């Protein structure tokens, strides 16, 4: 890896860390509940959230949702199995970064399966302070948003890691899934919060009576 590649990688990590840090500061003022991340890969953002949440004394639990087998088969630019990182490797990285993982809950499997109402292993996840969505695919983002709809409170934050992918087209990936989700849930409104890197956008959730 050349010097420019190292610099780019550092700047990307720095942008994400700043976003997580700002969002944790905001969550500290809101006194809300848990942090689920959907699509954790090697745990870079997840570990930052754990560290910064604990540093601020937040009593949230940290939920890691991932297939741990990479992306599912789909049409488009991604291949099946891309971004694979096994569960044990993910946990090893998180432990190395933050120490103990007593407040970490790992949920392996495809979102269409693990986010179903029948999955009792996630029944304790009732309220969300911050949701980090890094699904890469429209088909993977849809079940995540459906799961979150009744768990978001006024002031909750949603961070879309791939918001500006595919030339920021509103008819693709996370933007498309989000527009459809808001149409099905007219009680929800999203206020733009912050941008991170070239790819990410976060929003604050509001309820409309």
C-alpha atoms as a PDB file:
ATOM      1  CA  UNK A   1       0.000   0.000   0.000  1.00  0.00           C
ATOM      2  CA  UNK A   2       1.460   3.339  -1.074  1.00  0.00           C
ATOM      3  CA  UNK A   3       1.618   6.547   0.915  1.00  0.00           C
ATOM      4  CA  UNK A   4      -1.429   8.080  -0.776  1.00  0.00           C
ATOM      5  CA  UNK A   5      -3.472   4.932  -0.133  1.00  0.00           C
ATOM      6  CA  UNK A   6      -2.502   5.005   3.542  1.00  0.00           C
ATOM      7  CA  UNK A   7      -3.435   8.697   3.743  1.00  0.00           C
ATOM      8  CA  UNK A   8      -6.817   8.097   2.091  1.00  0.00           C
ATOM      9  CA  UNK A   9      -7.553   5.207   4.451  1.00  0.00           C
ATOM     10  CA  UNK A  10      -6.638   7.337   7.461  1.00  0.00           C
ATOM     11  CA  UNK A  11      -8.822  10.234   6.312  1.00  0.00           C
ATOM     12  CA  UNK A  12     -11.798   7.919   5.776  1.00  0.00           C
ATOM     13  CA  UNK A  13     -11.407   6.460   9.254  1.00  0.00           C
ATOM     14  CA  UNK A  14     -10.980   9.947  10.717  1.00  0.00           C
ATOM     15  CA  UNK A  15     -14.199  11.167   9.063  1.00  0.00           C
ATOM     16  CA  UNK A  16     -16.161   8.199  10.395  1.00  0.00           C
ATOM     17  CA  UNK A  17     -14.683   8.563  13.894  1.00  0.00           C
ATOM     18  CA  UNK A  18     -15.620  12.253  14.007  1.00  0.00           C
ATOM     19  CA  UNK A  19     -19.181  11.388  12.956  1.00  0.00           C
ATOM     20  CA  UNK A  20     -19.480   8.653  15.589  1.00  0.00           C
ATOM     21  CA  UNK A  21     -18.020  11.000  18.211  1.00  0.00           C
ATOM     22  CA  UNK A  22     -20.441  13.826  17.370  1.00  0.00           C
ATOM     23  CA  UNK A  23     -23.363  11.426  17.350  1.00  0.00           C
ATOM     24  CA  UNK A  24     -22.390   9.957  20.724  1.00  0.00           C
ATOM     25  CA  UNK A  25     -22.179  13.485  22.154  1.00  0.00           C
ATOM     26  CA  UNK A  26     -25.678  14.098  20.845  1.00  0.00           C
ATOM     27  CA  UNK A  27     -26.936  10.776  22.261  1.00  0.00           C
ATOM     28  CA  UNK A  28     -25.498  11.727  25.632  1.00  0.00           C
ATOM     29  CA  UNK A  29     -27.840  14.701  25.729  1.00  0.00           C
ATOM     30  CA  UNK A  30     -30.830  12.612  24.655  1.00  0.00           C
ATOM     31  CA  UNK A  31     -30.449   9.845  27.281  1.00  0.00           C
ATOM     32  CA  UNK A  32     -31.795   7.236  24.919  1.00  0.00           C
ATOM     33  CA  UNK A  33     -31.034   3.586  24.585  1.00  0.00           C
ATOM     34  CA  UNK A  34     -29.079   1.198  22.341  1.00  0.00           C
ATOM     35  CA  UNK A  35     -26.705   1.293  19.368  1.00  0.00           C
ATOM     36  CA  UNK A  36     -27.367  -1.293  16.633  1.00  0.00           C
ATOM     37  CA  UNK A  37     -25.079  -1.474  13.616  1.00  0.00           C
ATOM     38  CA  UNK A  38     -26.210  -3.311  10.499  1.00  0.00           C
ATOM     39  CA  UNK A  39     -23.263  -4.497   8.428  1.00  0.00           C
ATOM     40  CA  UNK A  40     -20.223  -4.373  10.710  1.00  0.00           C
ATOM     41  CA  UNK A  41     -17.533  -5.900   8.443  1.00  0.00           C
ATOM     42  CA  UNK A  42     -14.261  -5.728  10.432  1.00  0.00           C
ATOM     43  CA  UNK A  43     -15.711  -3.654  13.255  1.00  0.00           C
ATOM     44  CA  UNK A  44     -13.942  -0.342  12.681  1.00  0.00           C
ATOM     45  CA  UNK A  45     -17.020   1.855  13.177  1.00  0.00           C
ATOM     46  CA  UNK A  46     -18.537  -0.537  15.707  1.00  0.00           C
ATOM     47  CA  UNK A  47     -15.440  -0.473  17.921  1.00  0.00           C
ATOM     48  CA  UNK A  48     -15.333   3.331  17.738  1.00  0.00           C
ATOM     49  CA  UNK A  49     -18.969   3.475  18.867  1.00  0.00           C
ATOM     50  CA  UNK A  50     -18.280   1.127  21.799  1.00  0.00           C
ATOM     51  CA  UNK A  51     -15.235   3.080  22.913  1.00  0.00           C
ATOM     52  CA  UNK A  52     -16.806   6.527  22.582  1.00  0.00           C
ATOM     53  CA  UNK A  53     -20.105   5.466  24.156  1.00  0.00           C
ATOM     54  CA  UNK A  54     -18.354   4.033  27.193  1.00  0.00           C
ATOM     55  CA  UNK A  55     -16.043   7.050  27.415  1.00  0.00           C
ATOM     56  CA  UNK A  56     -19.141   9.231  27.775  1.00  0.00           C
ATOM     57  CA  UNK A  57     -20.719   6.993  30.401  1.00  0.00           C
ATOM     58  CA  UNK A  58     -23.635   5.971  28.185  1.00  0.00           C
ATOM     59  CA  UNK A  59     -25.431   2.867  29.451  1.00  0.00           C
ATOM     60  CA  UNK A  60     -26.282   1.604  25.984  1.00  0.00           C
ATOM     61  CA  UNK A  61     -25.857  -1.876  24.602  1.00  0.00           C
ATOM     62  CA  UNK A  62     -24.077  -2.380  21.286  1.00  0.00           C
ATOM     63  CA  UNK A  63     -25.668  -4.716  18.739  1.00  0.00           C
ATOM     64  CA  UNK A  64     -23.702  -6.096  15.785  1.00  0.00           C
ATOM     65  CA  UNK A  65     -25.879  -7.425  12.960  1.00  0.00           C
ATOM     66  CA  UNK A  66     -24.069  -9.111  10.085  1.00  0.00           C
ATOM     67  CA  UNK A  67     -24.136 -12.277   8.006  1.00  0.00           C
ATOM     68  CA  UNK A  68     -20.391 -12.665   8.700  1.00  0.00           C
ATOM     69  CA  UNK A  69     -20.358 -14.307   5.261  1.00  0.00           C
ATOM     70  CA  UNK A  70     -20.157 -11.158   3.147  1.00  0.00           C
ATOM     71  CA  UNK A  71     -22.858  -9.779   0.877  1.00  0.00           C
ATOM     72  CA  UNK A  72     -25.673 -11.938  -0.489  1.00  0.00           C
ATOM     73  CA  UNK A  73     -25.971 -12.665  -4.185  1.00  0.00           C
ATOM     74  CA  UNK A  74     -27.319  -9.626  -6.051  1.00  0.00           C
ATOM     75  CA  UNK A  75     -27.222  -7.790  -9.341  1.00  0.00           C
ATOM     76  CA  UNK A  76     -24.898  -4.838  -9.719  1.00  0.00           C
ATOM     77  CA  UNK A  77     -21.345  -3.938  -8.814  1.00  0.00           C
ATOM     78  CA  UNK A  78     -20.914  -6.201  -5.777  1.00  0.00           C
ATOM     79  CA  UNK A  79     -20.118  -9.904  -5.801  1.00  0.00           C
ATOM     80  CA  UNK A  80     -21.490 -12.569  -3.486  1.00  0.00           C
ATOM     81  CA  UNK A  81     -19.353 -12.870  -0.357  1.00  0.00           C
ATOM     82  CA  UNK A  82     -17.746  -9.446  -0.748  1.00  0.00           C
ATOM     83  CA  UNK A  83     -16.838  -7.757   2.574  1.00  0.00           C
ATOM     84  CA  UNK A  84     -16.712 -11.084   4.389  1.00  0.00           C
ATOM     85  CA  UNK A  85     -15.283 -11.103   7.899  1.00  0.00           C
ATOM     86  CA  UNK A  86     -15.991 -14.052  10.185  1.00  0.00           C
ATOM     87  CA  UNK A  87     -17.661 -13.586  13.546  1.00  0.00           C
ATOM     88  CA  UNK A  88     -14.611 -14.638  15.574  1.00  0.00           C
ATOM     89  CA  UNK A  89     -12.321 -12.329  13.610  1.00  0.00           C
ATOM     90  CA  UNK A  90     -14.771  -9.457  14.149  1.00  0.00           C
ATOM     91  CA  UNK A  91     -14.878 -10.123  17.905  1.00  0.00           C
ATOM     92  CA  UNK A  92     -11.087 -10.382  18.067  1.00  0.00           C
ATOM     93  CA  UNK A  93     -10.769  -6.949  16.474  1.00  0.00           C
ATOM     94  CA  UNK A  94     -13.380  -5.391  18.765  1.00  0.00           C
ATOM     95  CA  UNK A  95     -11.770  -6.899  21.884  1.00  0.00           C
ATOM     96  CA  UNK A  96      -8.384  -5.590  20.805  1.00  0.00           C
ATOM     97  CA  UNK A  97      -9.839  -2.094  20.401  1.00  0.00           C
ATOM     98  CA  UNK A  98     -12.154  -1.797  23.408  1.00  0.00           C
ATOM     99  CA  UNK A  99     -11.317  -4.598  25.846  1.00  0.00           C
ATOM    100  CA  UNK A 100     -14.323  -6.348  27.365  1.00  0.00           C
ATOM    101  CA  UNK A 101     -17.430  -7.033  25.292  1.00  0.00           C
ATOM    102  CA  UNK A 102     -19.986  -7.636  28.047  1.00  0.00           C
ATOM    103  CA  UNK A 103     -22.274  -4.992  26.533  1.00  0.00           C
ATOM    104  CA  UNK A 104     -21.855  -6.307  22.963  1.00  0.00           C
ATOM    105  CA  UNK A 105     -24.546  -8.484  21.375  1.00  0.00           C
ATOM    106  CA  UNK A 106     -23.664 -10.222  18.114  1.00  0.00           C
ATOM    107  CA  UNK A 107     -26.521 -11.332  15.845  1.00  0.00           C
ATOM    108  CA  UNK A 108     -25.255 -13.453  12.922  1.00  0.00           C
ATOM    109  CA  UNK A 109     -27.351 -14.133   9.839  1.00  0.00           C
ATOM    110  CA  UNK A 110     -29.149 -12.467   6.943  1.00  0.00           C
ATOM    111  CA  UNK A 111     -31.229  -9.458   7.976  1.00  0.00           C
ATOM    112  CA  UNK A 112     -34.375 -10.926   6.415  1.00  0.00           C
ATOM    113  CA  UNK A 113     -34.072 -13.787   8.931  1.00  0.00           C
ATOM    114  CA  UNK A 114     -32.582 -12.238  12.056  1.00  0.00           C
ATOM    115  CA  UNK A 115     -34.831  -9.153  12.133  1.00  0.00           C
ATOM    116  CA  UNK A 116     -38.074 -11.129  12.113  1.00  0.00           C
ATOM    117  CA  UNK A 117     -40.474 -10.817  15.092  1.00  0.00           C
ATOM    118  CA  UNK A 118     -39.930 -14.510  15.826  1.00  0.00           C
ATOM    119  CA  UNK A 119     -36.262 -13.981  16.718  1.00  0.00           C
ATOM    120  CA  UNK A 120     -36.320 -13.833  20.518  1.00  0.00           C
ATOM    121  CA  UNK A 121     -32.580 -13.188  20.751  1.00  0.00           C
ATOM    122  CA  UNK A 122     -33.180  -9.535  19.829  1.00  0.00           C
ATOM    123  CA  UNK A 123     -36.306  -8.985  21.941  1.00  0.00           C
ATOM    124  CA  UNK A 124     -34.318  -6.808  24.361  1.00  0.00           C
ATOM    125  CA  UNK A 125     -33.606  -4.290  21.603  1.00  0.00           C
ATOM    126  CA  UNK A 126     -36.632  -2.065  22.132  1.00  0.00           C
ATOM    127  CA  UNK A 127     -35.295   1.491  21.847  1.00  0.00           C
ATOM    128  CA  UNK A 128     -32.592   2.879  19.575  1.00  0.00           C
ATOM    129  CA  UNK A 129     -30.440   5.934  20.224  1.00  0.00           C
ATOM    130  CA  UNK A 130     -28.224   5.567  17.154  1.00  0.00           C
ATOM    131  CA  UNK A 131     -28.561   3.160  14.229  1.00  0.00           C
ATOM    132  CA  UNK A 132     -25.637   2.746  11.843  1.00  0.00           C
ATOM    133  CA  UNK A 133     -26.701   1.242   8.508  1.00  0.00           C
ATOM    134  CA  UNK A 134     -23.952  -0.043   6.209  1.00  0.00           C
ATOM    135  CA  UNK A 135     -25.838  -2.543   4.055  1.00  0.00           C
ATOM    136  CA  UNK A 136     -24.478  -1.683   0.581  1.00  0.00           C
ATOM    137  CA  UNK A 137     -27.599  -3.146  -1.063  1.00  0.00           C
ATOM    138  CA  UNK A 138     -31.190  -1.952  -1.424  1.00  0.00           C
ATOM    139  CA  UNK A 139     -32.505  -5.447  -0.651  1.00  0.00           C
ATOM    140  CA  UNK A 140     -30.544  -5.580   2.601  1.00  0.00           C
ATOM    141  CA  UNK A 141     -31.517  -2.069   3.721  1.00  0.00           C
ATOM    142  CA  UNK A 142     -35.276  -2.670   3.475  1.00  0.00           C
ATOM    143  CA  UNK A 143     -35.657  -5.156   6.385  1.00  0.00           C
ATOM    144  CA  UNK A 144     -33.364  -3.029   8.551  1.00  0.00           C
ATOM    145  CA  UNK A 145     -35.570   0.049   8.209  1.00  0.00           C
ATOM    146  CA  UNK A 146     -38.740  -1.964   8.796  1.00  0.00           C
ATOM    147  CA  UNK A 147     -37.210  -3.326  11.994  1.00  0.00           C
ATOM    148  CA  UNK A 148     -36.228   0.143  13.191  1.00  0.00           C
ATOM    149  CA  UNK A 149     -39.568   1.868  12.543  1.00  0.00           C
ATOM    150  CA  UNK A 150     -41.164   1.093  15.912  1.00  0.00           C
ATOM    151  CA  UNK A 151     -37.885   1.323  17.850  1.00  0.00           C
ATOM    152  CA  UNK A 152     -36.976   4.894  16.946  1.00  0.00           C
ATOM    153  CA  UNK A 153     -37.893   7.773  19.242  1.00  0.00           C
ATOM    154  CA  UNK A 154     -37.923  11.516  18.617  1.00  0.00           C
ATOM    155  CA  UNK A 155     -34.255  12.454  18.600  1.00  0.00           C
ATOM    156  CA  UNK A 156     -32.902   9.074  17.513  1.00  0.00           C
ATOM    157  CA  UNK A 157     -30.142   9.228  14.890  1.00  0.00           C
ATOM    158  CA  UNK A 158     -29.854   7.109  11.738  1.00  0.00           C
ATOM    159  CA  UNK A 159     -26.474   7.022   9.983  1.00  0.00           C
ATOM    160  CA  UNK A 160     -26.521   5.756   6.387  1.00  0.00           C
ATOM    161  CA  UNK A 161     -22.999   4.762   5.413  1.00  0.00           C
ATOM    162  CA  UNK A 162     -23.828   4.318   1.710  1.00  0.00           C
ATOM    163  CA  UNK A 163     -26.208   7.246   1.206  1.00  0.00           C
ATOM    164  CA  UNK A 164     -24.282   8.791  -1.700  1.00  0.00           C
ATOM    165  CA  UNK A 165     -23.264   5.556  -3.421  1.00  0.00           C
ATOM    166  CA  UNK A 166     -24.044   5.084  -7.129  1.00  0.00           C
ATOM    167  CA  UNK A 167     -23.639   8.806  -7.873  1.00  0.00           C
ATOM    168  CA  UNK A 168     -26.085   9.699  -5.074  1.00  0.00           C
ATOM    169  CA  UNK A 169     -29.033   8.508  -7.147  1.00  0.00           C
ATOM    170  CA  UNK A 170     -32.289   8.718  -5.141  1.00  0.00           C
ATOM    171  CA  UNK A 171     -33.647   5.629  -6.912  1.00  0.00           C
ATOM    172  CA  UNK A 172     -30.858   3.344  -5.679  1.00  0.00           C
ATOM    173  CA  UNK A 173     -29.697   1.534  -2.561  1.00  0.00           C
ATOM    174  CA  UNK A 174     -30.207   3.304   0.797  1.00  0.00           C
ATOM    175  CA  UNK A 175     -31.882   6.421  -0.588  1.00  0.00           C
ATOM    176  CA  UNK A 176     -34.486   4.350  -2.425  1.00  0.00           C
ATOM    177  CA  UNK A 177     -35.140   2.100   0.574  1.00  0.00           C
ATOM    178  CA  UNK A 178     -35.445   5.134   2.854  1.00  0.00           C
ATOM    179  CA  UNK A 179     -37.910   6.967   0.596  1.00  0.00           C
ATOM    180  CA  UNK A 180     -40.135   3.897   0.394  1.00  0.00           C
ATOM    181  CA  UNK A 181     -39.896   3.376   4.149  1.00  0.00           C
ATOM    182  CA  UNK A 182     -40.914   6.962   4.912  1.00  0.00           C
ATOM    183  CA  UNK A 183     -43.863   6.630   2.531  1.00  0.00           C
ATOM    184  CA  UNK A 184     -45.022   3.586   4.521  1.00  0.00           C
ATOM    185  CA  UNK A 185     -44.431   5.375   7.835  1.00  0.00           C
ATOM    186  CA  UNK A 186     -45.830   8.913   7.461  1.00  0.00           C
ATOM    187  CA  UNK A 187     -45.503   9.447  11.217  1.00  0.00           C
ATOM    188  CA  UNK A 188     -41.713   9.666  10.782  1.00  0.00           C
ATOM    189  CA  UNK A 189     -39.688  12.632   9.560  1.00  0.00           C
ATOM    190  CA  UNK A 190     -35.915  12.840   9.055  1.00  0.00           C
ATOM    191  CA  UNK A 191     -33.949  16.041   9.633  1.00  0.00           C
ATOM    192  CA  UNK A 192     -30.484  16.101   7.988  1.00  0.00           C
ATOM    193  CA  UNK A 193     -27.800  16.006  10.690  1.00  0.00           C
ATOM    194  CA  UNK A 194     -24.271  15.526   9.331  1.00  0.00           C
ATOM    195  CA  UNK A 195     -22.302  14.129   6.400  1.00  0.00           C
ATOM    196  CA  UNK A 196     -19.223  11.911   6.643  1.00  0.00           C
ATOM    197  CA  UNK A 197     -16.712  11.100   3.951  1.00  0.00           C
ATOM    198  CA  UNK A 198     -18.026  11.275   0.395  1.00  0.00           C
ATOM    199  CA  UNK A 199     -20.523   8.506   1.036  1.00  0.00           C
ATOM    200  CA  UNK A 200     -22.384   8.966   4.323  1.00  0.00           C
ATOM    201  CA  UNK A 201     -25.291  11.002   5.670  1.00  0.00           C
ATOM    202  CA  UNK A 202     -26.963  10.986   9.082  1.00  0.00           C
ATOM    203  CA  UNK A 203     -30.447  12.132  10.103  1.00  0.00           C
ATOM    204  CA  UNK A 204     -32.325  12.920  13.299  1.00  0.00           C
ATOM    205  CA  UNK A 205     -35.709  11.247  13.625  1.00  0.00           C
ATOM    206  CA  UNK A 206     -38.887  13.144  14.484  1.00  0.00           C
ATOM    207  CA  UNK A 207     -42.431  11.914  14.919  1.00  0.00           C
ATOM    208  CA  UNK A 208     -45.365  13.712  13.339  1.00  0.00           C
ATOM    209  CA  UNK A 209     -48.727  13.312  15.039  1.00  0.00           C
END
